[in-house]
């Protein structure tokens, strides 16, 4: 991960680990990753931010408040 200071925010850039052993992933985990890539693969960072800011988990919490994991069950299908 690389951290970059941007205008009024910190940006994080996640880099692929070339040494990952994909065999450690279950079939279900691969399916989840494939669906995430299919949905968000062409999104720019601001598109992802906009999408995330429309989720109930975000809209139902105050600024800088930790989002409870229990709200994950309300994530929109994609």
N, C-alpha and C. Protein backbone atom coordinates (compact mmCIF):
# COMPACT_ATOMS: atom_id res chain seq x y z
N UNK A 1 0.84 -1.17 0.00
CA UNK A 1 0.00 0.00 0.00
C UNK A 1 0.89 1.24 0.00
N UNK A 2 0.53 2.20 -0.81
CA UNK A 2 1.21 3.49 -0.83
C UNK A 2 0.22 4.53 -0.33
N UNK A 3 0.69 5.40 0.52
CA UNK A 3 -0.14 6.47 1.05
C UNK A 3 0.27 7.77 0.38
N UNK A 4 -0.71 8.53 -0.13
CA UNK A 4 -0.43 9.80 -0.80
C UNK A 4 -1.30 10.88 -0.21
N UNK A 5 -0.71 12.01 0.09
CA UNK A 5 -1.48 13.14 0.60
C UNK A 5 -2.10 13.87 -0.58
N UNK A 6 -3.41 14.04 -0.53
CA UNK A 6 -4.13 14.74 -1.57
C UNK A 6 -4.82 15.95 -0.98
N UNK A 7 -5.60 16.63 -1.78
CA UNK A 7 -6.33 17.81 -1.34
C UNK A 7 -7.36 17.41 -0.28
N UNK A 8 -7.13 17.79 0.96
CA UNK A 8 -8.01 17.54 2.10
C UNK A 8 -8.26 16.07 2.39
N UNK A 9 -7.43 15.17 1.85
CA UNK A 9 -7.63 13.75 2.14
C UNK A 9 -6.35 12.97 1.89
N UNK A 10 -6.29 11.81 2.50
CA UNK A 10 -5.19 10.89 2.24
C UNK A 10 -5.67 9.86 1.24
N UNK A 11 -4.87 9.60 0.23
CA UNK A 11 -5.21 8.61 -0.78
C UNK A 11 -4.38 7.35 -0.51
N UNK A 12 -4.99 6.21 -0.72
CA UNK A 12 -4.30 4.94 -0.55
C UNK A 12 -4.29 4.21 -1.88
N UNK A 13 -3.13 3.75 -2.27
CA UNK A 13 -2.98 2.99 -3.51
C UNK A 13 -2.54 1.58 -3.10
N UNK A 14 -3.36 0.60 -3.44
CA UNK A 14 -3.03 -0.78 -3.09
C UNK A 14 -2.39 -1.45 -4.29
N UNK A 15 -1.27 -2.04 -4.04
CA UNK A 15 -0.49 -2.67 -5.11
C UNK A 15 -0.63 -4.19 -5.02
N UNK A 16 -0.66 -4.82 -6.16
CA UNK A 16 -0.79 -6.28 -6.20
C UNK A 16 0.46 -6.94 -5.63
N UNK A 17 0.23 -8.01 -4.91
CA UNK A 17 1.34 -8.81 -4.40
C UNK A 17 1.58 -9.91 -5.43
N UNK A 18 2.67 -9.82 -6.13
CA UNK A 18 2.94 -10.78 -7.20
C UNK A 18 3.16 -12.19 -6.69
N UNK A 19 3.38 -12.36 -5.39
CA UNK A 19 3.67 -13.68 -4.86
C UNK A 19 2.44 -14.35 -4.24
N UNK A 20 1.26 -13.84 -4.49
CA UNK A 20 0.06 -14.44 -3.91
C UNK A 20 -0.19 -15.82 -4.52
N UNK A 21 -0.56 -16.75 -3.68
CA UNK A 21 -0.89 -18.10 -4.12
C UNK A 21 -2.41 -18.18 -4.23
N UNK A 22 -2.92 -18.09 -5.44
CA UNK A 22 -4.36 -18.08 -5.66
C UNK A 22 -5.03 -19.39 -5.25
N UNK A 23 -4.26 -20.43 -5.07
CA UNK A 23 -4.82 -21.72 -4.66
C UNK A 23 -5.35 -21.71 -3.24
N UNK A 24 -5.00 -20.69 -2.46
CA UNK A 24 -5.48 -20.63 -1.08
C UNK A 24 -6.92 -20.13 -1.02
N UNK A 25 -7.43 -19.61 -2.13
CA UNK A 25 -8.81 -19.10 -2.17
C UNK A 25 -9.79 -20.22 -2.47
N UNK A 26 -10.90 -20.19 -1.74
CA UNK A 26 -11.96 -21.17 -2.02
C UNK A 26 -12.69 -20.75 -3.30
N UNK A 27 -13.48 -21.65 -3.82
CA UNK A 27 -14.27 -21.36 -5.02
C UNK A 27 -15.22 -20.18 -4.74
N UNK A 28 -15.81 -20.16 -3.56
CA UNK A 28 -16.73 -19.07 -3.18
C UNK A 28 -15.99 -17.73 -3.08
N UNK A 29 -14.79 -17.75 -2.52
CA UNK A 29 -14.00 -16.52 -2.43
C UNK A 29 -13.62 -15.99 -3.81
N UNK A 30 -13.29 -16.88 -4.71
CA UNK A 30 -12.97 -16.47 -6.09
C UNK A 30 -14.20 -15.87 -6.76
N UNK A 31 -15.36 -16.47 -6.52
CA UNK A 31 -16.60 -15.98 -7.11
C UNK A 31 -16.90 -14.56 -6.61
N UNK A 32 -16.69 -14.32 -5.32
CA UNK A 32 -16.91 -12.99 -4.76
C UNK A 32 -15.95 -11.98 -5.40
N UNK A 33 -14.68 -12.33 -5.46
CA UNK A 33 -13.69 -11.43 -6.07
C UNK A 33 -14.01 -11.16 -7.53
N UNK A 34 -14.42 -12.18 -8.26
CA UNK A 34 -14.78 -11.99 -9.67
C UNK A 34 -15.96 -11.04 -9.83
N UNK A 35 -16.96 -11.15 -8.94
CA UNK A 35 -18.11 -10.26 -9.04
C UNK A 35 -17.74 -8.82 -8.69
N UNK A 36 -16.85 -8.64 -7.73
CA UNK A 36 -16.38 -7.30 -7.37
C UNK A 36 -15.60 -6.69 -8.53
N UNK A 37 -14.73 -7.48 -9.14
CA UNK A 37 -13.95 -7.01 -10.29
C UNK A 37 -14.87 -6.67 -11.45
N UNK A 38 -15.87 -7.51 -11.68
CA UNK A 38 -16.82 -7.28 -12.77
C UNK A 38 -17.57 -5.96 -12.57
N UNK A 39 -17.99 -5.69 -11.34
CA UNK A 39 -18.74 -4.48 -11.04
C UNK A 39 -17.85 -3.24 -11.03
N UNK A 40 -16.71 -3.29 -10.34
CA UNK A 40 -15.92 -2.10 -10.09
C UNK A 40 -14.61 -2.01 -10.87
N UNK A 41 -14.34 -2.98 -11.71
CA UNK A 41 -13.06 -3.04 -12.40
C UNK A 41 -12.72 -1.81 -13.22
N UNK A 42 -13.70 -1.17 -13.82
CA UNK A 42 -13.45 0.01 -14.66
C UNK A 42 -13.74 1.32 -13.93
N UNK A 43 -14.18 1.22 -12.66
CA UNK A 43 -14.48 2.44 -11.89
C UNK A 43 -13.20 3.19 -11.57
N UNK A 44 -13.29 4.50 -11.60
CA UNK A 44 -12.22 5.34 -11.09
C UNK A 44 -12.45 5.50 -9.58
N UNK A 45 -11.44 5.93 -8.85
CA UNK A 45 -11.55 6.02 -7.39
C UNK A 45 -12.74 6.88 -6.97
N UNK A 46 -12.98 7.99 -7.65
CA UNK A 46 -14.11 8.85 -7.28
C UNK A 46 -15.45 8.17 -7.55
N UNK A 47 -15.52 7.30 -8.55
CA UNK A 47 -16.75 6.54 -8.81
C UNK A 47 -17.03 5.58 -7.65
N UNK A 48 -15.98 4.95 -7.15
CA UNK A 48 -16.13 4.03 -6.02
C UNK A 48 -16.55 4.79 -4.77
N UNK A 49 -15.94 5.95 -4.55
CA UNK A 49 -16.31 6.77 -3.40
C UNK A 49 -17.78 7.16 -3.48
N UNK A 50 -18.21 7.61 -4.65
CA UNK A 50 -19.62 8.00 -4.82
C UNK A 50 -20.55 6.82 -4.55
N UNK A 51 -20.22 5.67 -5.10
CA UNK A 51 -21.03 4.47 -4.90
C UNK A 51 -21.11 4.13 -3.41
N UNK A 52 -19.97 4.16 -2.75
CA UNK A 52 -19.91 3.83 -1.32
C UNK A 52 -20.70 4.83 -0.48
N UNK A 53 -20.66 6.09 -0.85
CA UNK A 53 -21.37 7.11 -0.08
C UNK A 53 -22.88 6.99 -0.20
N UNK A 54 -23.36 6.19 -1.12
CA UNK A 54 -24.80 5.96 -1.26
C UNK A 54 -25.28 4.74 -0.48
N UNK A 55 -24.36 4.01 0.12
CA UNK A 55 -24.72 2.83 0.91
C UNK A 55 -25.30 3.25 2.26
N UNK A 56 -26.26 2.46 2.77
CA UNK A 56 -26.86 2.74 4.08
C UNK A 56 -25.82 2.79 5.18
N UNK A 57 -24.83 1.92 5.09
CA UNK A 57 -23.78 1.89 6.11
C UNK A 57 -23.09 3.25 6.22
N UNK A 58 -23.00 3.96 5.13
CA UNK A 58 -22.38 5.29 5.13
C UNK A 58 -23.39 6.37 5.52
N UNK A 59 -24.57 6.31 4.93
CA UNK A 59 -25.55 7.37 5.16
C UNK A 59 -26.12 7.34 6.58
N UNK A 60 -26.05 6.21 7.24
CA UNK A 60 -26.62 6.09 8.58
C UNK A 60 -25.59 6.24 9.70
N UNK A 61 -24.39 6.67 9.35
CA UNK A 61 -23.38 6.94 10.37
C UNK A 61 -22.89 8.38 10.22
N UNK A 62 -22.46 8.94 11.32
CA UNK A 62 -21.97 10.31 11.30
C UNK A 62 -20.54 10.36 10.78
N UNK A 63 -20.13 11.54 10.35
CA UNK A 63 -18.79 11.76 9.83
C UNK A 63 -17.75 11.32 10.86
N UNK A 64 -16.80 10.52 10.41
CA UNK A 64 -15.68 9.99 11.20
C UNK A 64 -16.11 8.93 12.23
N UNK A 65 -17.36 8.55 12.24
CA UNK A 65 -17.83 7.49 13.12
C UNK A 65 -17.49 6.14 12.49
N UNK A 66 -17.12 5.18 13.30
CA UNK A 66 -16.85 3.83 12.80
C UNK A 66 -18.15 3.21 12.32
N UNK A 67 -18.13 2.66 11.13
CA UNK A 67 -19.32 2.01 10.58
C UNK A 67 -19.43 0.62 11.18
N UNK A 68 -20.55 0.32 11.84
CA UNK A 68 -20.70 -1.01 12.45
C UNK A 68 -20.77 -2.11 11.39
N UNK A 69 -20.10 -3.22 11.67
CA UNK A 69 -20.08 -4.33 10.73
C UNK A 69 -21.48 -4.87 10.49
N UNK A 70 -22.38 -4.71 11.45
CA UNK A 70 -23.75 -5.20 11.31
C UNK A 70 -24.47 -4.59 10.10
N UNK A 71 -24.04 -3.41 9.66
CA UNK A 71 -24.68 -2.78 8.50
C UNK A 71 -24.24 -3.41 7.18
N UNK A 72 -23.26 -4.30 7.22
CA UNK A 72 -22.80 -4.97 5.99
C UNK A 72 -23.92 -5.78 5.36
N UNK A 73 -24.85 -6.27 6.16
CA UNK A 73 -25.95 -7.07 5.61
C UNK A 73 -26.90 -6.23 4.74
N UNK A 74 -26.74 -4.90 4.81
CA UNK A 74 -27.59 -4.00 4.03
C UNK A 74 -26.94 -3.49 2.75
N UNK A 75 -25.78 -4.02 2.40
CA UNK A 75 -25.10 -3.58 1.19
C UNK A 75 -25.94 -3.96 -0.02
N UNK A 76 -26.02 -3.02 -0.96
CA UNK A 76 -26.81 -3.26 -2.18
C UNK A 76 -26.22 -4.41 -2.99
N UNK A 77 -27.10 -5.17 -3.62
CA UNK A 77 -26.65 -6.22 -4.53
C UNK A 77 -26.08 -5.58 -5.79
N UNK A 78 -25.13 -6.24 -6.40
CA UNK A 78 -24.60 -5.75 -7.68
C UNK A 78 -24.31 -6.86 -8.57
